[in-house]
Protein backbone atom coordinates (compact mmCIF):
# COMPACT_ATOMS: atom_id res chain seq x y z
CA MET A 1 -22.48 2.36 2.69
CA ASN A 2 -23.73 -1.16 2.35
CA GLU A 3 -20.73 -3.48 2.28
CA ASP A 4 -22.45 -5.75 -0.32
CA VAL A 5 -23.09 -2.95 -2.86
CA ILE A 6 -20.90 -2.77 -5.91
CA LEU A 7 -20.75 0.34 -8.10
CA ILE A 8 -20.27 0.52 -11.78
CA THR A 9 -20.09 3.23 -14.21
CA GLU A 10 -22.75 3.52 -16.83
CA LYS A 11 -20.04 3.45 -19.53
CA ASP A 12 -18.24 0.34 -18.03
CA GLN A 13 -21.68 -1.59 -17.66
CA LEU A 14 -22.69 -0.82 -21.25
CA ARG A 15 -19.13 -1.91 -22.75
CA ILE A 16 -18.99 -4.91 -20.42
CA LYS A 17 -22.51 -6.02 -21.34
CA ASN A 18 -21.69 -5.52 -25.13
CA ILE A 19 -18.77 -7.83 -24.85
CA LEU A 20 -20.76 -10.35 -23.08
CA SER A 21 -23.34 -10.33 -25.73
CA PHE A 22 -20.81 -12.01 -27.90
CA GLN A 23 -19.80 -14.79 -25.41
CA ASP A 24 -21.43 -18.00 -24.11
CA SER A 25 -23.53 -16.59 -21.29
CA ASP A 26 -23.09 -19.68 -19.12
CA ASP A 27 -19.30 -18.98 -18.93
CA PHE A 28 -20.06 -15.63 -17.34
CA GLU A 29 -23.03 -15.85 -15.36
CA ASN A 30 -21.40 -14.61 -12.03
CA LEU A 31 -20.23 -11.42 -14.03
CA GLU A 32 -23.72 -10.75 -15.39
CA LEU A 33 -25.34 -11.25 -11.97
CA GLU A 34 -22.81 -8.86 -10.44
CA LEU A 35 -23.63 -6.33 -13.26
CA ASP A 36 -27.36 -6.70 -12.88
CA ARG A 37 -27.08 -6.13 -9.09
CA ALA A 38 -24.61 -3.25 -9.30
CA LYS A 39 -25.67 0.29 -8.65
CA ILE A 40 -25.08 2.34 -11.66
CA ILE A 41 -23.33 5.65 -11.41
CA THR A 42 -22.19 8.46 -13.69
CA ASP A 43 -18.47 9.20 -14.34
CA ASP A 44 -18.54 12.19 -12.09
CA GLU A 45 -19.99 10.25 -9.13
CA VAL A 46 -17.05 7.82 -9.14
CA PRO A 47 -15.25 7.65 -5.73
CA PRO A 48 -11.55 7.55 -6.01
CA ASP A 49 -11.59 4.26 -4.24
CA LEU A 50 -13.55 2.41 -6.63
CA VAL A 51 -12.26 -0.29 -8.96
CA THR A 52 -13.32 0.71 -12.44
CA MET A 53 -12.28 -0.50 -15.94
CA ASN A 54 -8.64 0.20 -16.60
CA SER A 55 -7.76 0.68 -12.80
CA THR A 56 -4.73 -0.61 -11.15
CA VAL A 57 -5.64 -2.25 -7.84
CA LYS A 58 -3.70 -3.95 -4.94
CA PHE A 59 -5.87 -6.90 -3.35
CA LEU A 60 -5.30 -9.38 -0.74
CA ASN A 61 -5.99 -13.03 -1.10
CA LEU A 62 -7.07 -13.78 2.38
CA HIS A 63 -6.60 -17.42 2.03
CA ASP A 64 -2.83 -17.31 1.50
CA SER A 65 -2.11 -13.59 2.66
CA LYS A 66 -0.64 -12.86 -0.72
CA GLU A 67 -0.95 -9.18 -1.88
CA VAL A 68 -1.24 -8.87 -5.74
CA THR A 69 -1.41 -5.81 -8.01
CA ILE A 70 -3.28 -5.96 -11.30
CA THR A 71 -4.88 -3.72 -13.92
CA ILE A 72 -8.48 -4.74 -14.90
CA VAL A 73 -8.82 -4.22 -18.75
CA TYR A 74 -10.98 -5.27 -21.51
CA PRO A 75 -10.18 -8.76 -23.18
CA SER A 76 -8.23 -7.26 -26.04
CA ASP A 77 -5.94 -5.59 -23.84
CA ALA A 78 -5.28 -8.61 -21.44
CA ASN A 79 -1.66 -9.44 -20.94
CA PHE A 80 -1.18 -11.63 -17.81
CA ALA A 81 2.75 -11.04 -17.90
CA GLU A 82 2.05 -7.20 -17.71
CA GLY A 83 -0.50 -7.77 -14.93
CA LYS A 84 -3.36 -6.79 -17.13
CA VAL A 85 -6.25 -9.14 -16.31
CA SER A 86 -9.36 -9.21 -18.54
CA VAL A 87 -12.70 -8.29 -16.79
CA LEU A 88 -14.03 -11.47 -18.28
CA ALA A 89 -11.43 -13.53 -16.34
CA SER A 90 -12.39 -14.77 -12.86
CA LEU A 91 -10.18 -12.34 -11.15
CA GLY A 92 -11.19 -9.26 -13.03
CA SER A 93 -14.93 -10.08 -12.66
CA ALA A 94 -14.53 -10.59 -8.85
CA LEU A 95 -12.90 -7.21 -8.37
CA ILE A 96 -14.62 -4.82 -10.69
CA GLY A 97 -17.16 -2.41 -8.81
CA LEU A 98 -15.55 -2.93 -5.33
CA ARG A 99 -14.11 -0.26 -3.05
CA VAL A 100 -11.24 -0.11 -0.84
CA GLY A 101 -11.89 -2.34 2.23
CA GLN A 102 -14.57 -4.42 0.69
CA GLU A 103 -14.18 -8.21 0.42
CA ILE A 104 -15.82 -10.71 -1.78
CA ASN A 105 -15.97 -14.56 -1.90
CA TRP A 106 -15.62 -15.58 -5.60
CA MET A 107 -15.54 -19.16 -7.27
CA PHE A 108 -12.55 -19.65 -9.54
CA PRO A 109 -12.43 -22.01 -12.60
CA ASP A 110 -10.64 -24.53 -10.49
CA GLY A 111 -13.66 -24.94 -8.38
CA LYS A 112 -12.15 -23.14 -5.26
CA THR A 113 -13.75 -20.09 -3.72
CA LYS A 114 -11.29 -17.41 -2.59
CA ARG A 115 -11.77 -14.46 -0.46
CA LEU A 116 -10.35 -11.26 -1.90
CA LYS A 117 -10.08 -7.85 -0.17
CA ILE A 118 -9.37 -4.54 -1.95
CA LEU A 119 -6.36 -2.90 -0.15
CA GLU A 120 -5.79 0.12 -2.70
CA VAL A 121 -6.58 1.67 -5.87
CA LEU A 122 -3.38 2.83 -7.38
CA PHE A 123 -4.57 4.31 -10.63
CA GLN A 124 -8.27 4.98 -11.71
CA PRO A 125 -9.01 6.77 -14.93
CA GLU A 126 -12.02 8.63 -13.69
CA ALA A 127 -9.90 10.00 -10.82
CA ASN A 128 -7.23 11.13 -13.31
CA GLU A 129 -9.68 12.51 -15.76
CA GLN A 130 -8.79 9.92 -18.30
CA TRP A 131 -12.29 9.66 -19.69
CA HIS A 132 -11.24 7.92 -22.87
CA LEU A 133 -10.23 4.79 -21.05
């Protein structure tokens, strides 16, 4: 598999693009670029190690060796105290579509670029046949 390829389900892509259509596009240019270059797959093609919407993922910040676990959610479900990070937030945008073992360099609002590595997908709706999520 090409290390640079990101995968996204057709459903996730459509939902995220719909949300982005109501936002200032300059604020989410990186996410839009990632969606445009992503390989679109169907729900039944989703590998169990892929970060999809409503997935709980453990990742490593390679700059400080800190492991973090979050759930990537739609903006209306975001709650940082509960570890629910919006896909529109820099962190959510960086991780969506990656697979276990993949790394990404991503610029955050503070102007710093961080290198993140997916360690584990702890929960994924498609792998658990929770198609409504």
